[in-house]
Amino acid sequence: MFLDYNQNAKDRTTASAYSVRPLPDARVSAPLHWHEVPDCDPAEFTVLTMPHRFAEIGDPHAGMDTARGSLDGLLELAARDEAEGISDAPWPPHFRKTEGEAPRVAPSRAKSGASKSATKGSNSKAPRTRMPLLVIANSPSEEAAQQGLERWKTKHPEAAALLAIDDVLVDRMRGRSSTWTRIRVNLRHVPEELRPQQETPDPDDDPTRA
């Protein structure tokens, strides 16, 4: 089992054990034994705790290279899905369309009226719980976005005091030729009566808006 803050995209997949992650408490991505998973807390894996953990239990990844798996099952599944007309998930809009590609629309939005009505019976799924997220800043400059976050905290000190470290989400967004930064906050730990409303992000310089 591998615990990581990773990226999985068409042109890149990262998995870096023991790398320090971009959070204020300097969390470290770490391999785990399966029995550790139910009770693990990512906040306990930091640059201060990992050396002791490594010295105490060794490296759970040590035998990884001698226990190679096979992609045969995955390739068979891909071939079966293709034969049954099950396509890939939609690619982001800036990738070139390929022959036979499915429409680039989220599956939840691609349902026909008939399929929507069919889900209203006893087999319909419970609605997803939406996180109370606010967009705080959009900027090509991460520094400017972080300054906007500090202004928001000054403006809303009660809510800011209740945020956990991982309630501040710093998203590095990919544009056509460069990246830009979006900062959001998750108000899950803030009582509803103390939650600020969504305001115009500060700064609000989203380069994808023409």
C-alpha atoms as a PDB file:
ATOM      1  CA  MET A   1       0.000   0.000   0.000  1.00  0.00           C
ATOM      2  CA  PHE A   2       1.390   3.427  -0.952  1.00  0.00           C
ATOM      3  CA  LEU A   3       0.254   6.657   0.695  1.00  0.00           C
ATOM      4  CA  ASP A   4       1.100   9.655  -1.463  1.00  0.00           C
ATOM      5  CA  TYR A   5       0.051  13.049  -2.719  1.00  0.00           C
ATOM      6  CA  ASN A   6       0.434  12.082  -6.349  1.00  0.00           C
ATOM      7  CA  GLN A   7      -0.443  13.132  -9.861  1.00  0.00           C
ATOM      8  CA  ASN A   8      -2.021  10.821 -12.385  1.00  0.00           C
ATOM      9  CA  ALA A   9      -2.541  12.333 -15.817  1.00  0.00           C
ATOM     10  CA  LYS A  10      -2.289  11.315 -19.449  1.00  0.00           C
ATOM     11  CA  ASP A  11       1.335  12.329 -19.783  1.00  0.00           C
ATOM     12  CA  ARG A  12       2.629  11.835 -16.261  1.00  0.00           C
ATOM     13  CA  THR A  13       2.182   9.526 -13.313  1.00  0.00           C
ATOM     14  CA  THR A  14       4.241  10.107 -10.206  1.00  0.00           C
ATOM     15  CA  ALA A  15       4.765   7.851  -7.220  1.00  0.00           C
ATOM     16  CA  SER A  16       7.667   8.932  -5.066  1.00  0.00           C
ATOM     17  CA  ALA A  17       8.143   7.176  -1.739  1.00  0.00           C
ATOM     18  CA  TYR A  18       9.712   9.236   1.037  1.00  0.00           C
ATOM     19  CA  SER A  19       9.336  12.532  -0.809  1.00  0.00           C
ATOM     20  CA  VAL A  20       8.338  15.616   1.165  1.00  0.00           C
ATOM     21  CA  ARG A  21       4.949  17.006   0.194  1.00  0.00           C
ATOM     22  CA  PRO A  22       4.010  20.705  -0.186  1.00  0.00           C
ATOM     23  CA  LEU A  23       2.235  21.155   3.159  1.00  0.00           C
ATOM     24  CA  PRO A  24       3.219  23.332   6.132  1.00  0.00           C
ATOM     25  CA  ASP A  25       3.875  20.318   8.356  1.00  0.00           C
ATOM     26  CA  ALA A  26       6.249  18.776   5.761  1.00  0.00           C
ATOM     27  CA  ARG A  27       4.397  15.514   5.344  1.00  0.00           C
ATOM     28  CA  VAL A  28       6.226  12.676   3.671  1.00  0.00           C
ATOM     29  CA  SER A  29       4.764  10.176   1.220  1.00  0.00           C
ATOM     30  CA  ALA A  30       5.238   6.709   2.643  1.00  0.00           C
ATOM     31  CA  PRO A  31       4.780   3.013   1.915  1.00  0.00           C
ATOM     32  CA  LEU A  32       2.470   1.237   4.358  1.00  0.00           C
ATOM     33  CA  HIS A  33       1.655  -2.308   5.318  1.00  0.00           C
ATOM     34  CA  TRP A  34      -1.975  -3.157   4.594  1.00  0.00           C
ATOM     35  CA  HIS A  35      -2.796  -3.647   8.283  1.00  0.00           C
ATOM     36  CA  GLU A  36      -1.824  -0.002   8.914  1.00  0.00           C
ATOM     37  CA  VAL A  37      -4.298   1.439   6.430  1.00  0.00           C
ATOM     38  CA  PRO A  38      -7.558   1.521   8.482  1.00  0.00           C
ATOM     39  CA  ASP A  39      -6.064   3.601  11.296  1.00  0.00           C
ATOM     40  CA  CYS A  40      -3.396   5.644   9.533  1.00  0.00           C
ATOM     41  CA  ASP A  41      -3.368   9.434   9.775  1.00  0.00           C
ATOM     42  CA  PRO A  42      -1.416  11.223   7.011  1.00  0.00           C
ATOM     43  CA  ALA A  43      -0.512  13.971   9.482  1.00  0.00           C
ATOM     44  CA  GLU A  44       1.643  11.469  11.394  1.00  0.00           C
ATOM     45  CA  PHE A  45       4.017  10.968   8.443  1.00  0.00           C
ATOM     46  CA  THR A  46       6.394  13.954   8.484  1.00  0.00           C
ATOM     47  CA  VAL A  47      10.096  14.716   8.154  1.00  0.00           C
ATOM     48  CA  LEU A  48      10.300  14.463  11.952  1.00  0.00           C
ATOM     49  CA  THR A  49       8.582  11.085  12.335  1.00  0.00           C
ATOM     50  CA  MET A  50       9.726   9.171   9.248  1.00  0.00           C
ATOM     51  CA  PRO A  51      13.374   8.574  10.301  1.00  0.00           C
ATOM     52  CA  HIS A  52      12.179   6.899  13.522  1.00  0.00           C
ATOM     53  CA  ARG A  53       9.578   4.868  11.620  1.00  0.00           C
ATOM     54  CA  PHE A  54      12.185   3.708   9.103  1.00  0.00           C
ATOM     55  CA  ALA A  55      14.611   2.716  11.851  1.00  0.00           C
ATOM     56  CA  GLU A  56      11.884   0.851  13.731  1.00  0.00           C
ATOM     57  CA  ILE A  57      10.142  -1.133  10.965  1.00  0.00           C
ATOM     58  CA  GLY A  58      12.471  -0.845   7.984  1.00  0.00           C
ATOM     59  CA  ASP A  59      11.232  -0.213   4.464  1.00  0.00           C
ATOM     60  CA  PRO A  60       7.874  -1.832   3.558  1.00  0.00           C
ATOM     61  CA  HIS A  61       8.878  -1.373  -0.086  1.00  0.00           C
ATOM     62  CA  ALA A  62      12.048  -3.449   0.301  1.00  0.00           C
ATOM     63  CA  GLY A  63      10.646  -6.512  -1.443  1.00  0.00           C
ATOM     64  CA  MET A  64       8.778  -4.661  -4.166  1.00  0.00           C
ATOM     65  CA  ASP A  65      11.228  -5.376  -6.990  1.00  0.00           C
ATOM     66  CA  THR A  66      11.283  -9.098  -6.222  1.00  0.00           C
ATOM     67  CA  ALA A  67       7.485  -9.359  -6.268  1.00  0.00           C
ATOM     68  CA  ARG A  68       6.796  -8.193  -9.782  1.00  0.00           C
ATOM     69  CA  GLY A  69       3.228  -8.386 -11.017  1.00  0.00           C
ATOM     70  CA  SER A  70       1.852  -8.759 -14.515  1.00  0.00           C
ATOM     71  CA  LEU A  71      -0.111  -6.402 -16.750  1.00  0.00           C
ATOM     72  CA  ASP A  72      -1.751  -9.280 -18.612  1.00  0.00           C
ATOM     73  CA  GLY A  73      -4.988  -9.034 -16.632  1.00  0.00           C
ATOM     74  CA  LEU A  74      -5.155  -5.276 -17.144  1.00  0.00           C
ATOM     75  CA  LEU A  75      -4.535  -5.587 -20.885  1.00  0.00           C
ATOM     76  CA  GLU A  76      -7.222  -8.262 -21.144  1.00  0.00           C
ATOM     77  CA  LEU A  77      -9.656  -5.998 -19.305  1.00  0.00           C
ATOM     78  CA  ALA A  78      -8.835  -3.084 -21.630  1.00  0.00           C
ATOM     79  CA  ALA A  79      -9.394  -5.271 -24.696  1.00  0.00           C
ATOM     80  CA  ARG A  80     -12.698  -6.555 -23.294  1.00  0.00           C
ATOM     81  CA  ASP A  81     -13.897  -3.042 -22.478  1.00  0.00           C
ATOM     82  CA  GLU A  82     -13.019  -1.873 -25.983  1.00  0.00           C
ATOM     83  CA  ALA A  83     -14.875  -4.816 -27.528  1.00  0.00           C
ATOM     84  CA  GLU A  84     -17.941  -4.021 -25.386  1.00  0.00           C
ATOM     85  CA  GLY A  85     -17.865  -0.342 -26.344  1.00  0.00           C
ATOM     86  CA  ILE A  86     -16.636   0.911 -22.967  1.00  0.00           C
ATOM     87  CA  SER A  87     -14.335   3.827 -23.693  1.00  0.00           C
ATOM     88  CA  ASP A  88     -11.828   5.786 -21.645  1.00  0.00           C
ATOM     89  CA  ALA A  89     -12.978   8.549 -19.351  1.00  0.00           C
ATOM     90  CA  PRO A  90     -13.150  11.887 -21.214  1.00  0.00           C
ATOM     91  CA  TRP A  91      -9.773  13.541 -21.803  1.00  0.00           C
ATOM     92  CA  PRO A  92      -9.207  17.202 -20.841  1.00  0.00           C
ATOM     93  CA  PRO A  93     -10.194  19.625 -23.618  1.00  0.00           C
ATOM     94  CA  HIS A  94      -6.628  20.696 -24.498  1.00  0.00           C
ATOM     95  CA  PHE A  95      -5.685  17.178 -25.694  1.00  0.00           C
ATOM     96  CA  ARG A  96      -6.150  16.429 -29.379  1.00  0.00           C
ATOM     97  CA  LYS A  97      -9.229  14.313 -30.110  1.00  0.00           C
ATOM     98  CA  THR A  98      -8.575  10.835 -31.438  1.00  0.00           C
ATOM     99  CA  GLU A  99     -10.614   8.541 -33.641  1.00  0.00           C
ATOM    100  CA  GLY A 100     -13.322   6.700 -31.741  1.00  0.00           C
ATOM    101  CA  GLU A 101     -12.989   8.879 -28.666  1.00  0.00           C
ATOM    102  CA  ALA A 102     -16.085   9.253 -26.494  1.00  0.00           C
ATOM    103  CA  PRO A 103     -17.700  12.704 -26.108  1.00  0.00           C
ATOM    104  CA  ARG A 104     -15.764  14.920 -23.737  1.00  0.00           C
ATOM    105  CA  VAL A 105     -18.480  15.331 -21.153  1.00  0.00           C
ATOM    106  CA  ALA A 106     -18.691  14.083 -17.602  1.00  0.00           C
ATOM    107  CA  PRO A 107     -20.653  10.806 -17.497  1.00  0.00           C
ATOM    108  CA  SER A 108     -23.120  12.313 -15.017  1.00  0.00           C
ATOM    109  CA  ARG A 109     -24.005  14.982 -17.577  1.00  0.00           C
ATOM    110  CA  ALA A 110     -24.193  12.602 -20.499  1.00  0.00           C
ATOM    111  CA  LYS A 111     -27.166  10.618 -19.206  1.00  0.00           C
ATOM    112  CA  SER A 112     -30.273  10.730 -21.344  1.00  0.00           C
ATOM    113  CA  GLY A 113     -33.634  11.718 -19.935  1.00  0.00           C
ATOM    114  CA  ALA A 114     -34.690   8.082 -19.940  1.00  0.00           C
ATOM    115  CA  SER A 115     -31.711   6.951 -17.923  1.00  0.00           C
ATOM    116  CA  LYS A 116     -32.242   9.785 -15.463  1.00  0.00           C
ATOM    117  CA  SER A 117     -35.835   8.762 -14.852  1.00  0.00           C
ATOM    118  CA  ALA A 118     -34.770   5.149 -14.394  1.00  0.00           C
ATOM    119  CA  THR A 119     -32.541   6.110 -11.491  1.00  0.00           C
ATOM    120  CA  LYS A 120     -35.403   7.587  -9.479  1.00  0.00           C
ATOM    121  CA  GLY A 121     -36.555   4.197  -8.223  1.00  0.00           C
ATOM    122  CA  SER A 122     -35.374   2.181  -5.294  1.00  0.00           C
ATOM    123  CA  ASN A 123     -31.996   1.549  -6.924  1.00  0.00           C
ATOM    124  CA  SER A 124     -31.054   5.222  -7.150  1.00  0.00           C
ATOM    125  CA  LYS A 125     -27.829   6.166  -5.414  1.00  0.00           C
ATOM    126  CA  ALA A 126     -27.738   8.483  -2.465  1.00  0.00           C
ATOM    127  CA  PRO A 127     -26.556  11.988  -3.417  1.00  0.00           C
ATOM    128  CA  ARG A 128     -22.909  12.750  -2.847  1.00  0.00           C
ATOM    129  CA  THR A 129     -21.984  14.888   0.101  1.00  0.00           C
ATOM    130  CA  ARG A 130     -20.660  18.183  -1.198  1.00  0.00           C
ATOM    131  CA  MET A 131     -17.779  19.744   0.664  1.00  0.00           C
ATOM    132  CA  PRO A 132     -18.238  23.415   1.633  1.00  0.00           C
ATOM    133  CA  LEU A 133     -15.440  24.763  -0.563  1.00  0.00           C
ATOM    134  CA  LEU A 134     -14.640  28.399  -1.240  1.00  0.00           C
ATOM    135  CA  VAL A 135     -12.351  29.650  -4.003  1.00  0.00           C
ATOM    136  CA  ILE A 136     -10.076  32.203  -2.369  1.00  0.00           C
ATOM    137  CA  ALA A 137      -7.576  33.159  -5.077  1.00  0.00           C
ATOM    138  CA  ASN A 138      -6.731  32.598  -8.746  1.00  0.00           C
ATOM    139  CA  SER A 139      -3.386  33.816 -10.045  1.00  0.00           C
ATOM    140  CA  PRO A 140      -0.489  32.908 -12.368  1.00  0.00           C
ATOM    141  CA  SER A 141       1.694  33.811  -9.360  1.00  0.00           C
ATOM    142  CA  GLU A 142       1.549  31.412  -6.399  1.00  0.00           C
ATOM    143  CA  GLU A 143       2.971  34.138  -4.166  1.00  0.00           C
ATOM    144  CA  ALA A 144       0.130  36.500  -5.119  1.00  0.00           C
ATOM    145  CA  ALA A 145      -2.411  33.743  -4.480  1.00  0.00           C
ATOM    146  CA  GLN A 146      -0.910  33.030  -1.038  1.00  0.00           C
ATOM    147  CA  GLN A 147      -1.076  36.735  -0.212  1.00  0.00           C
ATOM    148  CA  GLY A 148      -4.757  36.649  -1.150  1.00  0.00           C
ATOM    149  CA  LEU A 149      -5.254  33.733   1.238  1.00  0.00           C
ATOM    150  CA  GLU A 150      -3.657  35.711   4.077  1.00  0.00           C
ATOM    151  CA  ARG A 151      -5.982  38.648   3.349  1.00  0.00           C
ATOM    152  CA  TRP A 152      -8.960  36.283   3.504  1.00  0.00           C
ATOM    153  CA  LYS A 153      -7.770  34.893   6.864  1.00  0.00           C
ATOM    154  CA  THR A 154      -7.425  38.426   8.232  1.00  0.00           C
ATOM    155  CA  LYS A 155     -10.934  39.251   7.038  1.00  0.00           C
ATOM    156  CA  HIS A 156     -12.454  36.058   8.503  1.00  0.00           C
ATOM    157  CA  PRO A 157     -10.353  35.261  11.603  1.00  0.00           C
ATOM    158  CA  GLU A 158     -12.933  33.011  13.336  1.00  0.00           C
ATOM    159  CA  ALA A 159     -13.289  30.719  10.339  1.00  0.00           C
ATOM    160  CA  ALA A 160      -9.553  30.774   9.616  1.00  0.00           C
ATOM    161  CA  ALA A 161      -8.743  29.678  13.168  1.00  0.00           C
ATOM    162  CA  LEU A 162     -10.783  26.486  12.696  1.00  0.00           C
ATOM    163  CA  LEU A 163      -9.126  25.351   9.464  1.00  0.00           C
ATOM    164  CA  ALA A 164      -6.966  22.240   9.585  1.00  0.00           C
ATOM    165  CA  ILE A 165      -3.739  22.149   7.590  1.00  0.00           C
ATOM    166  CA  ASP A 166      -5.321  20.036   4.863  1.00  0.00           C
ATOM    167  CA  ASP A 167      -8.387  22.300   4.655  1.00  0.00           C
ATOM    168  CA  VAL A 168      -6.307  24.734   2.590  1.00  0.00           C
ATOM    169  CA  LEU A 169      -6.128  23.369  -0.953  1.00  0.00           C
ATOM    170  CA  VAL A 170      -3.413  24.783  -3.208  1.00  0.00           C
ATOM    171  CA  ASP A 171      -4.122  23.607  -6.749  1.00  0.00           C
ATOM    172  CA  ARG A 172      -1.487  24.035  -9.423  1.00  0.00           C
ATOM    173  CA  MET A 173      -3.578  24.211 -12.566  1.00  0.00           C
ATOM    174  CA  ARG A 174      -2.209  23.429 -16.005  1.00  0.00           C
ATOM    175  CA  GLY A 175      -2.849  25.822 -18.847  1.00  0.00           C
ATOM    176  CA  ARG A 176      -1.767  25.427 -22.457  1.00  0.00           C
ATOM    177  CA  SER A 177       1.761  26.701 -21.891  1.00  0.00           C
ATOM    178  CA  SER A 178       2.133  27.397 -18.176  1.00  0.00           C
ATOM    179  CA  THR A 179       0.669  26.691 -14.758  1.00  0.00           C
ATOM    180  CA  TRP A 180      -1.380  28.914 -12.495  1.00  0.00           C
ATOM    181  CA  THR A 181      -2.463  28.660  -8.874  1.00  0.00           C
ATOM    182  CA  ARG A 182      -5.937  28.293  -7.420  1.00  0.00           C
ATOM    183  CA  ILE A 183      -6.384  28.344  -3.649  1.00  0.00           C
ATOM    184  CA  ARG A 184      -9.525  26.974  -2.016  1.00  0.00           C
ATOM    185  CA  VAL A 185     -10.532  26.394   1.586  1.00  0.00           C
ATOM    186  CA  ASN A 186     -12.690  23.579   2.922  1.00  0.00           C
ATOM    187  CA  LEU A 187     -15.027  24.812   5.654  1.00  0.00           C
ATOM    188  CA  ARG A 188     -15.927  21.321   6.912  1.00  0.00           C
ATOM    189  CA  HIS A 189     -14.588  22.138  10.391  1.00  0.00           C
ATOM    190  CA  VAL A 190     -16.303  25.531  10.539  1.00  0.00           C
ATOM    191  CA  PRO A 191     -19.857  25.647  11.982  1.00  0.00           C
ATOM    192  CA  GLU A 192     -22.406  26.810   9.421  1.00  0.00           C
ATOM    193  CA  GLU A 193     -23.163  30.005  11.309  1.00  0.00           C
ATOM    194  CA  LEU A 194     -19.474  31.001  11.054  1.00  0.00           C
ATOM    195  CA  ARG A 195     -18.927  30.067   7.423  1.00  0.00           C
ATOM    196  CA  PRO A 196     -18.156  33.015   5.137  1.00  0.00           C
ATOM    197  CA  GLN A 197     -19.953  33.191   1.811  1.00  0.00           C
ATOM    198  CA  GLN A 198     -18.202  32.800  -1.521  1.00  0.00           C
ATOM    199  CA  GLU A 199     -16.729  36.128  -2.529  1.00  0.00           C
ATOM    200  CA  THR A 200     -14.909  37.252  -5.640  1.00  0.00           C
ATOM    201  CA  PRO A 201     -11.479  35.590  -5.409  1.00  0.00           C
ATOM    202  CA  ASP A 202      -8.609  37.910  -4.492  1.00  0.00           C
ATOM    203  CA  PRO A 203      -6.752  38.011  -6.774  1.00  0.00           C
ATOM    204  CA  ASP A 204      -9.078  36.793  -9.515  1.00  0.00           C
ATOM    205  CA  ASP A 205      -6.699  36.357 -12.430  1.00  0.00           C
ATOM    206  CA  ASP A 206      -7.704  33.043 -13.992  1.00  0.00           C
ATOM    207  CA  PRO A 207      -5.707  32.840 -17.263  1.00  0.00           C
ATOM    208  CA  THR A 208      -8.181  30.367 -18.782  1.00  0.00           C
ATOM    209  CA  ARG A 209     -10.786  33.108 -19.013  1.00  0.00           C
ATOM    210  CA  ALA A 210     -10.321  34.925 -22.265  1.00  0.00           C
END
